[in-house]
């Protein structure tokens, strides 16, 4: 989390930089979330699963600060876990993703959280991301289950859809604000609450009570 001073690059005017990592089982939509956030596009299955580690940069404006997010996209397959774990110690924040249409990906969240505790920074910020909330009747994990798990670990919870873009920007912006507040030593007035879901979503498909 070191300030970036003037460099001969497109990031020369950045005030600070953070590393955000996307974690979770394979096929939970981590790459799609990253591409939606960075490029505003949906891959629609026209891609190959991430092998090892990939990353993209994005600069955003927060409270009169230019913040660079270096976002790491990780492979979820078991054979890449050792590679992924090696990067945990460098991550300032983690978006832990599961697929609401894949119950196994949700059941594996506790295992991912255990790895984060073992390898991650003590100060790392974690958000539980329930992705693919556009699935509607194909949902296999209820919202209250995700909320309950997040509450048990004291971390924020949000439902997203890389396909529609629902809450994608919000998930990254919120964690960036938490990181910035921590670095500046200020109180973050935003989502200190566990649930980041909006009261009035753009589409009802994303919320089941």
N, C-alpha and C. Protein backbone atom coordinates (compact mmCIF):
# COMPACT_ATOMS: atom_id res chain seq x y z
N UNK A 1 0.83 -1.18 0.00
CA UNK A 1 0.00 0.00 0.00
C UNK A 1 0.88 1.26 0.00
N UNK A 2 1.90 1.28 -0.84
CA UNK A 2 2.80 2.41 -0.88
C UNK A 2 2.32 3.44 -1.89
N UNK A 3 2.41 4.73 -1.52
CA UNK A 3 2.04 5.78 -2.47
C UNK A 3 2.90 5.68 -3.72
N UNK A 4 2.29 5.96 -4.86
CA UNK A 4 3.02 5.91 -6.12
C UNK A 4 3.34 7.34 -6.55
N UNK A 5 4.60 7.66 -6.64
CA UNK A 5 5.00 8.99 -7.07
C UNK A 5 5.11 9.03 -8.59
N UNK A 6 5.42 10.17 -9.12
CA UNK A 6 5.39 10.37 -10.56
C UNK A 6 6.29 9.37 -11.28
N UNK A 7 5.69 8.70 -12.23
CA UNK A 7 6.41 7.77 -13.07
C UNK A 7 6.04 8.05 -14.51
N UNK A 8 6.88 7.60 -15.43
CA UNK A 8 6.60 7.81 -16.84
C UNK A 8 5.66 6.72 -17.34
N UNK A 9 4.43 6.76 -16.87
CA UNK A 9 3.42 5.80 -17.29
C UNK A 9 2.07 6.45 -17.14
N UNK A 10 1.02 5.71 -17.56
CA UNK A 10 -0.33 6.25 -17.47
C UNK A 10 -0.77 6.36 -16.02
N UNK A 11 0.01 5.77 -15.09
CA UNK A 11 -0.36 5.80 -13.68
C UNK A 11 0.48 6.82 -12.90
N UNK A 12 1.09 7.78 -13.57
CA UNK A 12 2.02 8.68 -12.90
C UNK A 12 1.34 9.60 -11.89
N UNK A 13 0.05 9.88 -12.06
CA UNK A 13 -0.64 10.79 -11.15
C UNK A 13 -1.43 10.08 -10.07
N UNK A 14 -1.19 8.79 -9.89
CA UNK A 14 -1.92 8.02 -8.89
C UNK A 14 -1.41 8.37 -7.48
N UNK A 15 -2.35 8.54 -6.55
CA UNK A 15 -1.99 8.89 -5.17
C UNK A 15 -1.61 7.67 -4.35
N UNK A 16 -2.32 6.55 -4.57
CA UNK A 16 -2.00 5.33 -3.83
C UNK A 16 -2.44 4.11 -4.63
N UNK A 17 -1.90 2.98 -4.24
CA UNK A 17 -2.14 1.75 -4.99
C UNK A 17 -2.44 0.60 -4.04
N UNK A 18 -3.40 -0.26 -4.44
CA UNK A 18 -3.76 -1.41 -3.63
C UNK A 18 -3.86 -2.64 -4.53
N UNK A 19 -3.58 -3.78 -3.94
CA UNK A 19 -3.72 -5.05 -4.65
C UNK A 19 -4.97 -5.76 -4.16
N UNK A 20 -5.86 -6.05 -5.09
CA UNK A 20 -7.12 -6.74 -4.79
C UNK A 20 -7.10 -8.09 -5.51
N UNK A 21 -7.42 -9.15 -4.80
CA UNK A 21 -7.39 -10.48 -5.39
C UNK A 21 -8.78 -11.10 -5.41
N UNK A 22 -9.13 -11.71 -6.54
CA UNK A 22 -10.37 -12.47 -6.67
C UNK A 22 -10.09 -13.93 -6.38
N UNK A 23 -10.81 -14.49 -5.40
CA UNK A 23 -10.63 -15.88 -5.00
C UNK A 23 -11.95 -16.64 -5.11
N UNK A 24 -11.85 -17.96 -5.17
CA UNK A 24 -13.04 -18.79 -5.21
C UNK A 24 -12.86 -19.96 -6.16
N UNK A 25 -13.80 -20.88 -6.12
CA UNK A 25 -13.74 -22.06 -6.98
C UNK A 25 -13.72 -21.68 -8.46
N UNK A 26 -13.31 -22.62 -9.28
CA UNK A 26 -13.33 -22.44 -10.72
C UNK A 26 -14.77 -22.28 -11.22
N UNK A 27 -14.96 -21.44 -12.22
CA UNK A 27 -16.25 -21.23 -12.88
C UNK A 27 -17.27 -20.50 -12.01
N UNK A 28 -16.81 -19.75 -11.03
CA UNK A 28 -17.73 -18.93 -10.24
C UNK A 28 -17.93 -17.55 -10.84
N UNK A 29 -17.16 -17.24 -11.89
CA UNK A 29 -17.33 -15.97 -12.59
C UNK A 29 -16.33 -14.90 -12.20
N UNK A 30 -15.19 -15.29 -11.63
CA UNK A 30 -14.19 -14.32 -11.20
C UNK A 30 -13.66 -13.50 -12.38
N UNK A 31 -13.29 -14.20 -13.46
CA UNK A 31 -12.78 -13.50 -14.64
C UNK A 31 -13.84 -12.59 -15.24
N UNK A 32 -15.07 -13.07 -15.27
CA UNK A 32 -16.17 -12.26 -15.81
C UNK A 32 -16.40 -11.00 -14.98
N UNK A 33 -16.29 -11.12 -13.67
CA UNK A 33 -16.42 -9.95 -12.80
C UNK A 33 -15.33 -8.93 -13.09
N UNK A 34 -14.10 -9.42 -13.25
CA UNK A 34 -12.98 -8.53 -13.53
C UNK A 34 -13.16 -7.82 -14.86
N UNK A 35 -13.54 -8.56 -15.89
CA UNK A 35 -13.70 -7.97 -17.22
C UNK A 35 -14.88 -6.99 -17.23
N UNK A 36 -15.95 -7.32 -16.53
CA UNK A 36 -17.10 -6.41 -16.43
C UNK A 36 -16.67 -5.11 -15.75
N UNK A 37 -15.91 -5.22 -14.67
CA UNK A 37 -15.48 -4.03 -13.94
C UNK A 37 -14.47 -3.21 -14.73
N UNK A 38 -13.50 -3.88 -15.33
CA UNK A 38 -12.43 -3.17 -16.03
C UNK A 38 -12.88 -2.64 -17.38
N UNK A 39 -13.59 -3.46 -18.15
CA UNK A 39 -13.92 -3.10 -19.54
C UNK A 39 -15.40 -2.86 -19.79
N UNK A 40 -16.25 -3.14 -18.79
CA UNK A 40 -17.68 -2.95 -18.99
C UNK A 40 -18.29 -3.94 -19.96
N UNK A 41 -17.67 -5.10 -20.10
CA UNK A 41 -18.14 -6.11 -21.06
C UNK A 41 -18.43 -7.43 -20.36
N UNK A 42 -19.21 -8.28 -21.03
CA UNK A 42 -19.49 -9.61 -20.51
C UNK A 42 -18.94 -10.63 -21.48
N UNK A 43 -18.16 -11.58 -20.97
CA UNK A 43 -17.47 -12.53 -21.83
C UNK A 43 -18.39 -13.57 -22.44
N UNK A 44 -19.49 -13.90 -21.75
CA UNK A 44 -20.48 -14.84 -22.28
C UNK A 44 -19.85 -16.16 -22.72
N UNK A 45 -18.98 -16.69 -21.85
CA UNK A 45 -18.33 -18.00 -22.06
C UNK A 45 -17.31 -18.02 -23.19
N UNK A 46 -17.00 -16.87 -23.78
CA UNK A 46 -16.01 -16.84 -24.85
C UNK A 46 -14.60 -16.61 -24.29
N UNK A 47 -14.19 -17.47 -23.36
CA UNK A 47 -12.87 -17.34 -22.76
C UNK A 47 -12.42 -18.69 -22.24
N UNK A 48 -11.12 -18.77 -21.96
CA UNK A 48 -10.53 -19.98 -21.40
C UNK A 48 -10.30 -19.74 -19.91
N UNK A 49 -10.55 -20.74 -19.08
CA UNK A 49 -10.39 -20.60 -17.64
C UNK A 49 -8.98 -20.11 -17.30
N UNK A 50 -8.91 -19.26 -16.29
CA UNK A 50 -7.64 -18.70 -15.86
C UNK A 50 -6.68 -19.81 -15.45
N UNK A 51 -5.44 -19.70 -15.91
CA UNK A 51 -4.40 -20.66 -15.54
C UNK A 51 -3.43 -19.93 -14.62
N UNK A 52 -3.39 -20.33 -13.35
CA UNK A 52 -2.51 -19.68 -12.40
C UNK A 52 -3.03 -18.31 -11.99
N UNK A 53 -2.33 -17.25 -12.41
CA UNK A 53 -2.64 -15.89 -12.01
C UNK A 53 -2.66 -14.96 -13.22
N UNK A 54 -3.62 -14.05 -13.25
CA UNK A 54 -3.66 -13.00 -14.26
C UNK A 54 -4.04 -11.71 -13.54
N UNK A 55 -3.77 -10.56 -14.12
CA UNK A 55 -4.16 -9.32 -13.45
C UNK A 55 -4.43 -8.19 -14.44
N UNK A 56 -5.18 -7.21 -13.95
CA UNK A 56 -5.44 -5.98 -14.70
C UNK A 56 -5.41 -4.81 -13.73
N UNK A 57 -5.12 -3.63 -14.27
CA UNK A 57 -5.08 -2.42 -13.47
C UNK A 57 -6.26 -1.51 -13.81
N UNK A 58 -6.74 -0.80 -12.80
CA UNK A 58 -7.77 0.21 -13.03
C UNK A 58 -7.55 1.35 -12.05
N UNK A 59 -7.67 2.57 -12.54
CA UNK A 59 -7.54 3.76 -11.70
C UNK A 59 -8.92 4.36 -11.50
N UNK A 60 -9.27 4.63 -10.24
CA UNK A 60 -10.57 5.21 -9.91
C UNK A 60 -10.36 6.45 -9.05
N UNK A 61 -11.36 7.33 -9.06
CA UNK A 61 -11.33 8.53 -8.23
C UNK A 61 -12.16 8.30 -6.98
N UNK A 62 -11.53 8.48 -5.82
CA UNK A 62 -12.21 8.33 -4.54
C UNK A 62 -11.84 9.48 -3.63
N UNK A 63 -12.81 10.29 -3.27
CA UNK A 63 -12.58 11.36 -2.29
C UNK A 63 -11.37 12.21 -2.65
N UNK A 64 -11.35 12.70 -3.89
CA UNK A 64 -10.26 13.56 -4.38
C UNK A 64 -8.91 12.86 -4.45
N UNK A 65 -8.95 11.54 -4.41
CA UNK A 65 -7.73 10.76 -4.57
C UNK A 65 -7.84 9.87 -5.80
N UNK A 66 -6.71 9.74 -6.50
CA UNK A 66 -6.66 8.79 -7.60
C UNK A 66 -6.07 7.49 -7.06
N UNK A 67 -6.88 6.44 -7.11
CA UNK A 67 -6.49 5.17 -6.53
C UNK A 67 -6.31 4.13 -7.62
N UNK A 68 -5.15 3.51 -7.62
CA UNK A 68 -4.90 2.43 -8.58
C UNK A 68 -5.20 1.10 -7.91
N UNK A 69 -6.04 0.30 -8.56
CA UNK A 69 -6.31 -1.06 -8.12
C UNK A 69 -5.62 -2.02 -9.07
N UNK A 70 -4.72 -2.82 -8.53
CA UNK A 70 -4.14 -3.91 -9.30
C UNK A 70 -4.94 -5.15 -8.91
N UNK A 71 -5.74 -5.65 -9.83
CA UNK A 71 -6.70 -6.71 -9.52
C UNK A 71 -6.20 -8.04 -10.07
N UNK A 72 -5.96 -8.97 -9.16
CA UNK A 72 -5.45 -10.29 -9.52
C UNK A 72 -6.61 -11.27 -9.65
N UNK A 73 -6.62 -11.95 -10.77
CA UNK A 73 -7.62 -12.99 -11.04
C UNK A 73 -6.93 -14.33 -10.88
N UNK A 74 -7.48 -15.18 -10.02
CA UNK A 74 -6.80 -16.44 -9.71
C UNK A 74 -7.57 -17.65 -10.22
N UNK A 75 -6.83 -18.70 -10.52
CA UNK A 75 -7.45 -19.96 -10.93
C UNK A 75 -8.05 -20.64 -9.71
N UNK A 76 -9.22 -21.22 -9.87
CA UNK A 76 -9.88 -21.87 -8.74
C UNK A 76 -9.62 -23.37 -8.66
N UNK A 77 -9.01 -23.94 -9.69
CA UNK A 77 -8.78 -25.38 -9.68
C UNK A 77 -7.81 -25.78 -8.57
N UNK A 78 -8.01 -26.94 -8.02
CA UNK A 78 -7.21 -27.42 -6.89
C UNK A 78 -5.72 -27.42 -7.21
N UNK A 79 -5.37 -27.76 -8.45
CA UNK A 79 -3.95 -27.89 -8.78
C UNK A 79 -3.21 -26.55 -8.77
N UNK A 80 -3.96 -25.45 -8.75
CA UNK A 80 -3.33 -24.13 -8.73
C UNK A 80 -3.37 -23.49 -7.34
N UNK A 81 -3.91 -24.20 -6.34
CA UNK A 81 -4.07 -23.60 -5.01
C UNK A 81 -2.74 -23.16 -4.41
N UNK A 82 -1.69 -23.97 -4.60
CA UNK A 82 -0.39 -23.60 -4.01
C UNK A 82 0.16 -22.33 -4.66
N UNK A 83 -0.09 -22.17 -5.96
CA UNK A 83 0.35 -20.96 -6.66
C UNK A 83 -0.41 -19.76 -6.13
N UNK A 84 -1.73 -19.91 -6.01
CA UNK A 84 -2.59 -18.83 -5.53
C UNK A 84 -2.20 -18.41 -4.12
N UNK A 85 -1.98 -19.39 -3.24
CA UNK A 85 -1.65 -19.11 -1.84
C UNK A 85 -0.39 -18.27 -1.72
N UNK A 86 0.53 -18.45 -2.64
CA UNK A 86 1.79 -17.70 -2.59
C UNK A 86 1.57 -16.20 -2.77
N UNK A 87 0.44 -15.83 -3.37
CA UNK A 87 0.16 -14.42 -3.60
C UNK A 87 -0.67 -13.79 -2.48
N UNK A 88 -1.22 -14.59 -1.58
CA UNK A 88 -2.09 -14.07 -0.52
C UNK A 88 -1.42 -12.97 0.28
N UNK A 89 -0.16 -13.19 0.63
CA UNK A 89 0.54 -12.26 1.53
C UNK A 89 0.69 -10.87 0.92
N UNK A 90 0.57 -10.76 -0.40
CA UNK A 90 0.72 -9.47 -1.07
C UNK A 90 -0.62 -8.76 -1.31
N UNK A 91 -1.72 -9.44 -1.03
CA UNK A 91 -3.04 -8.86 -1.29
C UNK A 91 -3.49 -7.97 -0.15
N UNK A 92 -3.94 -6.77 -0.49
CA UNK A 92 -4.51 -5.86 0.50
C UNK A 92 -5.98 -6.17 0.74
N UNK A 93 -6.63 -6.73 -0.27
CA UNK A 93 -8.06 -7.05 -0.16
C UNK A 93 -8.39 -8.27 -1.00
N UNK A 94 -9.41 -8.99 -0.58
CA UNK A 94 -9.82 -10.21 -1.26
C UNK A 94 -11.33 -10.19 -1.50
N UNK A 95 -11.72 -10.44 -2.73
CA UNK A 95 -13.13 -10.65 -3.05
C UNK A 95 -13.32 -12.15 -3.20
N UNK A 96 -13.99 -12.76 -2.23
CA UNK A 96 -14.16 -14.21 -2.20
C UNK A 96 -15.49 -14.55 -2.87
N UNK A 97 -15.41 -15.21 -4.03
CA UNK A 97 -16.57 -15.37 -4.91
C UNK A 97 -17.10 -16.80 -4.93
N UNK A 98 -18.44 -16.92 -4.85
CA UNK A 98 -19.08 -18.20 -5.12
C UNK A 98 -20.23 -18.00 -6.09
N UNK A 99 -20.65 -19.08 -6.70
CA UNK A 99 -21.71 -19.08 -7.71
C UNK A 99 -23.01 -19.51 -7.03
N UNK A 100 -24.03 -18.66 -7.04
CA UNK A 100 -25.28 -19.00 -6.35
C UNK A 100 -25.98 -20.20 -6.99
N UNK A 101 -25.57 -20.58 -8.20
CA UNK A 101 -26.14 -21.74 -8.87
C UNK A 101 -25.33 -23.00 -8.66
N UNK A 102 -24.25 -22.89 -7.87
CA UNK A 102 -23.36 -24.03 -7.62
C UNK A 102 -23.15 -24.15 -6.12
N UNK A 103 -23.87 -25.04 -5.49
CA UNK A 103 -23.82 -25.15 -4.03
C UNK A 103 -22.43 -25.54 -3.53
N UNK A 104 -21.73 -26.36 -4.29
CA UNK A 104 -20.39 -26.78 -3.87
C UNK A 104 -19.46 -25.58 -3.72
N UNK A 105 -19.57 -24.62 -4.62
CA UNK A 105 -18.71 -23.44 -4.55
C UNK A 105 -18.98 -22.64 -3.28
N UNK A 106 -20.23 -22.69 -2.80
CA UNK A 106 -20.58 -22.03 -1.54
C UNK A 106 -20.06 -22.82 -0.35
N UNK A 107 -20.21 -24.13 -0.41
CA UNK A 107 -19.75 -24.98 0.69
C UNK A 107 -18.23 -24.93 0.86
N UNK A 108 -17.52 -24.59 -0.20
CA UNK A 108 -16.06 -24.50 -0.14
C UNK A 108 -15.56 -23.16 0.40
N UNK A 109 -16.47 -22.23 0.65
CA UNK A 109 -16.07 -20.90 1.12
C UNK A 109 -15.31 -20.97 2.44
N UNK A 110 -15.77 -21.82 3.36
CA UNK A 110 -15.08 -21.92 4.64
C UNK A 110 -13.63 -22.39 4.46
N UNK A 111 -13.41 -23.27 3.48
CA UNK A 111 -12.04 -23.72 3.20
C UNK A 111 -11.19 -22.56 2.68
N UNK A 112 -11.78 -21.75 1.80
CA UNK A 112 -11.07 -20.58 1.29
C UNK A 112 -10.75 -19.61 2.42
N UNK A 113 -11.71 -19.41 3.32
CA UNK A 113 -11.49 -18.50 4.44
C UNK A 113 -10.37 -19.00 5.36
N UNK A 114 -10.28 -20.32 5.51
CA UNK A 114 -9.21 -20.90 6.32
C UNK A 114 -7.85 -20.62 5.67
N UNK A 115 -7.79 -20.73 4.34
CA UNK A 115 -6.54 -20.45 3.64
C UNK A 115 -6.16 -18.98 3.76
N UNK A 116 -7.18 -18.11 3.70
CA UNK A 116 -6.93 -16.68 3.84
C UNK A 116 -6.34 -16.39 5.22
N UNK A 117 -6.90 -17.03 6.23
CA UNK A 117 -6.40 -16.82 7.59
C UNK A 117 -4.96 -17.31 7.72
N UNK A 118 -4.64 -18.41 7.03
CA UNK A 118 -3.30 -18.98 7.12
C UNK A 118 -2.26 -18.19 6.35
N UNK A 119 -2.62 -17.73 5.14
CA UNK A 119 -1.63 -17.12 4.27
C UNK A 119 -1.77 -15.61 4.11
N UNK A 120 -2.95 -15.06 4.37
CA UNK A 120 -3.19 -13.64 4.11
C UNK A 120 -2.64 -12.73 5.19
N UNK A 121 -2.58 -11.44 4.86
CA UNK A 121 -2.19 -10.43 5.85
C UNK A 121 -3.23 -10.38 6.96
N UNK A 122 -2.78 -10.01 8.14
CA UNK A 122 -3.71 -9.86 9.25
C UNK A 122 -4.69 -8.73 8.98
N UNK A 123 -4.25 -7.72 8.22
CA UNK A 123 -5.07 -6.55 7.95
C UNK A 123 -5.89 -6.66 6.67
N UNK A 124 -5.84 -7.80 5.99
CA UNK A 124 -6.51 -7.93 4.69
C UNK A 124 -8.02 -7.72 4.81
N UNK A 125 -8.59 -7.01 3.84
CA UNK A 125 -10.03 -6.77 3.81
C UNK A 125 -10.67 -7.85 2.93
N UNK A 126 -11.74 -8.46 3.42
CA UNK A 126 -12.40 -9.54 2.69
C UNK A 126 -13.88 -9.20 2.50
N UNK A 127 -14.40 -9.46 1.31
CA UNK A 127 -15.83 -9.34 1.03
C UNK A 127 -16.31 -10.65 0.42
N UNK A 128 -17.44 -11.16 0.91
CA UNK A 128 -18.04 -12.36 0.33
C UNK A 128 -18.95 -11.95 -0.82
N UNK A 129 -18.68 -12.48 -2.01
CA UNK A 129 -19.40 -12.10 -3.22
C UNK A 129 -20.22 -13.28 -3.74
N UNK A 130 -21.53 -13.12 -3.73
CA UNK A 130 -22.44 -14.13 -4.29
C UNK A 130 -22.72 -13.75 -5.74
N UNK A 131 -22.05 -14.41 -6.66
CA UNK A 131 -22.13 -14.02 -8.07
C UNK A 131 -23.21 -14.81 -8.83
N UNK A 132 -23.54 -14.30 -10.00
CA UNK A 132 -24.52 -14.88 -10.93
C UNK A 132 -25.95 -14.76 -10.38
N UNK A 133 -26.24 -13.63 -9.74
CA UNK A 133 -27.57 -13.45 -9.15
C UNK A 133 -28.65 -13.27 -10.21
N UNK A 134 -28.26 -13.31 -11.49
CA UNK A 134 -29.24 -13.24 -12.58
C UNK A 134 -29.85 -14.60 -12.88
N UNK A 135 -29.43 -15.65 -12.19
CA UNK A 135 -29.86 -17.01 -12.52
C UNK A 135 -31.32 -17.30 -12.19
N UNK A 136 -31.92 -16.50 -11.31
CA UNK A 136 -33.33 -16.69 -11.01
C UNK A 136 -33.65 -18.03 -10.39
N UNK A 137 -34.50 -18.81 -11.07
CA UNK A 137 -34.97 -20.09 -10.52
C UNK A 137 -33.86 -21.14 -10.44
N UNK A 138 -32.71 -20.89 -11.06
CA UNK A 138 -31.60 -21.84 -11.01
C UNK A 138 -30.75 -21.67 -9.76
N UNK A 139 -31.12 -20.72 -8.93
CA UNK A 139 -30.38 -20.46 -7.70
C UNK A 139 -30.39 -21.69 -6.79
N UNK A 140 -29.23 -22.03 -6.26
CA UNK A 140 -29.10 -23.17 -5.35
C UNK A 140 -28.71 -22.73 -3.93
N UNK A 141 -28.28 -21.48 -3.78
CA UNK A 141 -27.87 -20.95 -2.48
C UNK A 141 -28.71 -19.71 -2.17
N UNK A 142 -29.48 -19.76 -1.12
CA UNK A 142 -30.35 -18.64 -0.75
C UNK A 142 -29.54 -17.46 -0.21
N UNK A 143 -30.11 -16.28 -0.38
CA UNK A 143 -29.43 -15.07 0.09
C UNK A 143 -29.15 -15.13 1.58
N UNK A 144 -30.13 -15.64 2.36
CA UNK A 144 -29.93 -15.65 3.81
C UNK A 144 -28.78 -16.56 4.22
N UNK A 145 -28.47 -17.59 3.41
CA UNK A 145 -27.33 -18.45 3.72
C UNK A 145 -26.01 -17.70 3.55
N UNK A 146 -25.93 -16.95 2.47
CA UNK A 146 -24.73 -16.15 2.23
C UNK A 146 -24.56 -15.09 3.29
N UNK A 147 -25.65 -14.42 3.62
CA UNK A 147 -25.60 -13.39 4.65
C UNK A 147 -25.18 -13.96 5.99
N UNK A 148 -25.73 -15.12 6.33
CA UNK A 148 -25.43 -15.76 7.61
C UNK A 148 -23.95 -16.13 7.70
N UNK A 149 -23.40 -16.68 6.60
CA UNK A 149 -21.99 -17.05 6.60
C UNK A 149 -21.10 -15.82 6.74
N UNK A 150 -21.44 -14.76 5.99
CA UNK A 150 -20.66 -13.52 6.07
C UNK A 150 -20.70 -12.95 7.48
N UNK A 151 -21.87 -12.98 8.08
CA UNK A 151 -22.03 -12.45 9.44
C UNK A 151 -21.19 -13.25 10.44
N UNK A 152 -21.13 -14.57 10.25
CA UNK A 152 -20.37 -15.43 11.15
C UNK A 152 -18.88 -15.08 11.13
N UNK A 153 -18.40 -14.64 9.97
CA UNK A 153 -16.99 -14.29 9.85
C UNK A 153 -16.74 -12.79 9.96
N UNK A 154 -17.81 -12.02 10.13
CA UNK A 154 -17.67 -10.58 10.30
C UNK A 154 -17.18 -9.85 9.07
N UNK A 155 -17.63 -10.32 7.89
CA UNK A 155 -17.21 -9.69 6.63
C UNK A 155 -18.43 -9.23 5.84
N UNK A 156 -18.27 -8.22 4.98
CA UNK A 156 -19.38 -7.75 4.16
C UNK A 156 -19.84 -8.81 3.16
N UNK A 157 -21.09 -8.70 2.75
CA UNK A 157 -21.71 -9.62 1.79
C UNK A 157 -22.38 -8.81 0.69
N UNK A 158 -22.20 -9.25 -0.54
CA UNK A 158 -22.84 -8.57 -1.66
C UNK A 158 -23.20 -9.58 -2.74
N UNK A 159 -24.30 -9.33 -3.44
CA UNK A 159 -24.71 -10.18 -4.56
C UNK A 159 -24.44 -9.43 -5.86
N UNK A 160 -23.84 -10.12 -6.81
CA UNK A 160 -23.45 -9.49 -8.07
C UNK A 160 -23.89 -10.33 -9.27
N UNK A 161 -23.85 -9.68 -10.42
CA UNK A 161 -24.04 -10.38 -11.69
C UNK A 161 -23.09 -9.79 -12.71
N UNK A 162 -22.11 -10.57 -13.11
CA UNK A 162 -21.19 -10.11 -14.16
C UNK A 162 -21.93 -9.94 -15.47
N UNK A 163 -23.00 -10.70 -15.66
CA UNK A 163 -23.77 -10.64 -16.90
C UNK A 163 -24.51 -9.32 -17.04
N UNK A 164 -25.20 -8.90 -15.97
CA UNK A 164 -25.98 -7.66 -16.03
C UNK A 164 -25.20 -6.46 -15.51
N UNK A 165 -24.13 -6.72 -14.78
CA UNK A 165 -23.35 -5.64 -14.18
C UNK A 165 -23.84 -5.25 -12.80
N UNK A 166 -24.87 -5.93 -12.29
CA UNK A 166 -25.46 -5.57 -11.01
C UNK A 166 -24.44 -5.65 -9.87
N UNK A 167 -24.24 -4.53 -9.18
CA UNK A 167 -23.37 -4.43 -8.00
C UNK A 167 -21.90 -4.72 -8.25
N UNK A 168 -21.49 -4.86 -9.50
CA UNK A 168 -20.08 -5.16 -9.77
C UNK A 168 -19.19 -3.98 -9.38
N UNK A 169 -19.52 -2.79 -9.88
CA UNK A 169 -18.75 -1.61 -9.51
C UNK A 169 -18.77 -1.40 -8.00
N UNK A 170 -19.92 -1.61 -7.40
CA UNK A 170 -20.07 -1.39 -5.97
C UNK A 170 -19.16 -2.29 -5.16
N UNK A 171 -19.00 -3.54 -5.58
CA UNK A 171 -18.16 -4.47 -4.82
C UNK A 171 -16.71 -4.02 -4.80
N UNK A 172 -16.21 -3.52 -5.94
CA UNK A 172 -14.83 -3.06 -6.00
C UNK A 172 -14.66 -1.70 -5.33
N UNK A 173 -15.61 -0.80 -5.57
CA UNK A 173 -15.52 0.54 -5.00
C UNK A 173 -15.57 0.51 -3.48
N UNK A 174 -16.44 -0.33 -2.93
CA UNK A 174 -16.56 -0.42 -1.48
C UNK A 174 -15.26 -0.89 -0.85
N UNK A 175 -14.66 -1.91 -1.42
CA UNK A 175 -13.44 -2.44 -0.82
C UNK A 175 -12.29 -1.45 -1.00
N UNK A 176 -12.31 -0.68 -2.10
CA UNK A 176 -11.28 0.35 -2.30
C UNK A 176 -11.44 1.46 -1.26
N UNK A 177 -12.67 1.82 -0.95
CA UNK A 177 -12.92 2.85 0.07
C UNK A 177 -12.46 2.37 1.45
N UNK A 178 -12.68 1.11 1.75
CA UNK A 178 -12.24 0.56 3.03
C UNK A 178 -10.71 0.59 3.13
N UNK A 179 -10.05 0.25 2.03
CA UNK A 179 -8.59 0.26 2.01
C UNK A 179 -8.04 1.68 2.14
N UNK A 180 -8.65 2.62 1.43
CA UNK A 180 -8.20 4.01 1.48
C UNK A 180 -8.38 4.58 2.89
N UNK A 181 -9.52 4.30 3.49
CA UNK A 181 -9.78 4.79 4.85
C UNK A 181 -8.75 4.22 5.83
N UNK A 182 -8.43 2.94 5.67
CA UNK A 182 -7.44 2.32 6.56
C UNK A 182 -6.08 2.96 6.39
N UNK A 183 -5.71 3.25 5.15
CA UNK A 183 -4.39 3.84 4.91
C UNK A 183 -4.32 5.26 5.44
N UNK A 184 -5.42 6.00 5.32
CA UNK A 184 -5.44 7.39 5.78
C UNK A 184 -5.72 7.50 7.27
N UNK A 185 -6.09 6.36 7.88
CA UNK A 185 -6.40 6.37 9.30
C UNK A 185 -7.69 7.07 9.64
N UNK A 186 -8.64 7.01 8.71
CA UNK A 186 -9.93 7.66 8.91
C UNK A 186 -11.03 6.62 9.09
N UNK A 187 -12.16 7.08 9.60
CA UNK A 187 -13.31 6.21 9.80
C UNK A 187 -14.06 6.07 8.48
N UNK A 188 -14.29 4.85 8.04
CA UNK A 188 -15.07 4.64 6.82
C UNK A 188 -16.54 4.64 7.18
N UNK A 189 -17.27 5.60 6.61
CA UNK A 189 -18.68 5.76 6.94
C UNK A 189 -19.59 4.88 6.10
N UNK A 190 -19.00 4.13 5.18
CA UNK A 190 -19.80 3.34 4.25
C UNK A 190 -20.33 2.06 4.85
N UNK A 191 -19.98 0.94 4.26
CA UNK A 191 -20.57 -0.33 4.62
C UNK A 191 -19.83 -1.03 5.74
N UNK A 192 -19.88 -0.42 6.92
CA UNK A 192 -19.38 -1.11 8.10
C UNK A 192 -20.33 -2.27 8.41
N UNK A 193 -21.55 -2.17 7.88
CA UNK A 193 -22.53 -3.23 8.04
C UNK A 193 -22.11 -4.43 7.22
N UNK A 194 -22.64 -5.58 7.57
CA UNK A 194 -22.27 -6.81 6.88
C UNK A 194 -22.85 -6.86 5.48
N UNK A 195 -24.10 -6.39 5.32
CA UNK A 195 -24.82 -6.55 4.07
C UNK A 195 -24.67 -5.33 3.16
N UNK A 196 -24.03 -5.52 2.00
CA UNK A 196 -23.85 -4.43 1.05
C UNK A 196 -24.97 -4.37 0.02
N UNK A 197 -25.89 -5.31 0.06
CA UNK A 197 -26.95 -5.37 -0.93
C UNK A 197 -27.85 -4.14 -0.82
N UNK A 198 -28.25 -3.60 -1.96
CA UNK A 198 -29.12 -2.44 -1.98
C UNK A 198 -30.53 -2.85 -1.60
N UNK A 199 -31.27 -1.93 -0.99
CA UNK A 199 -32.64 -2.21 -0.58
C UNK A 199 -33.57 -2.34 -1.78
N UNK A 200 -33.25 -1.59 -2.84
CA UNK A 200 -34.10 -1.61 -4.03
C UNK A 200 -33.26 -1.96 -5.24
N UNK A 201 -33.00 -3.25 -5.46
CA UNK A 201 -32.17 -3.67 -6.60
C UNK A 201 -32.83 -3.33 -7.92
N UNK A 202 -31.99 -3.23 -8.94
CA UNK A 202 -32.51 -2.92 -10.27
C UNK A 202 -33.39 -4.03 -10.81
N UNK A 203 -33.09 -5.24 -10.37
CA UNK A 203 -33.91 -6.37 -10.79
C UNK A 203 -34.15 -7.29 -9.62
N UNK A 204 -35.34 -7.81 -9.50
CA UNK A 204 -35.69 -8.64 -8.35
C UNK A 204 -34.99 -10.00 -8.37
N UNK A 205 -34.37 -10.36 -9.49
CA UNK A 205 -33.78 -11.69 -9.60
C UNK A 205 -32.66 -11.90 -8.59
N UNK A 206 -32.09 -10.84 -8.12
CA UNK A 206 -30.90 -10.97 -7.30
C UNK A 206 -31.18 -11.15 -5.82
N UNK A 207 -32.42 -11.14 -5.39
CA UNK A 207 -32.71 -11.19 -3.96
C UNK A 207 -33.81 -12.17 -3.64
N UNK A 208 -33.50 -13.10 -2.76
CA UNK A 208 -34.45 -14.14 -2.34
C UNK A 208 -34.47 -14.17 -0.83
N UNK A 209 -35.64 -14.01 -0.23
CA UNK A 209 -35.74 -13.98 1.23
C UNK A 209 -36.64 -15.10 1.73
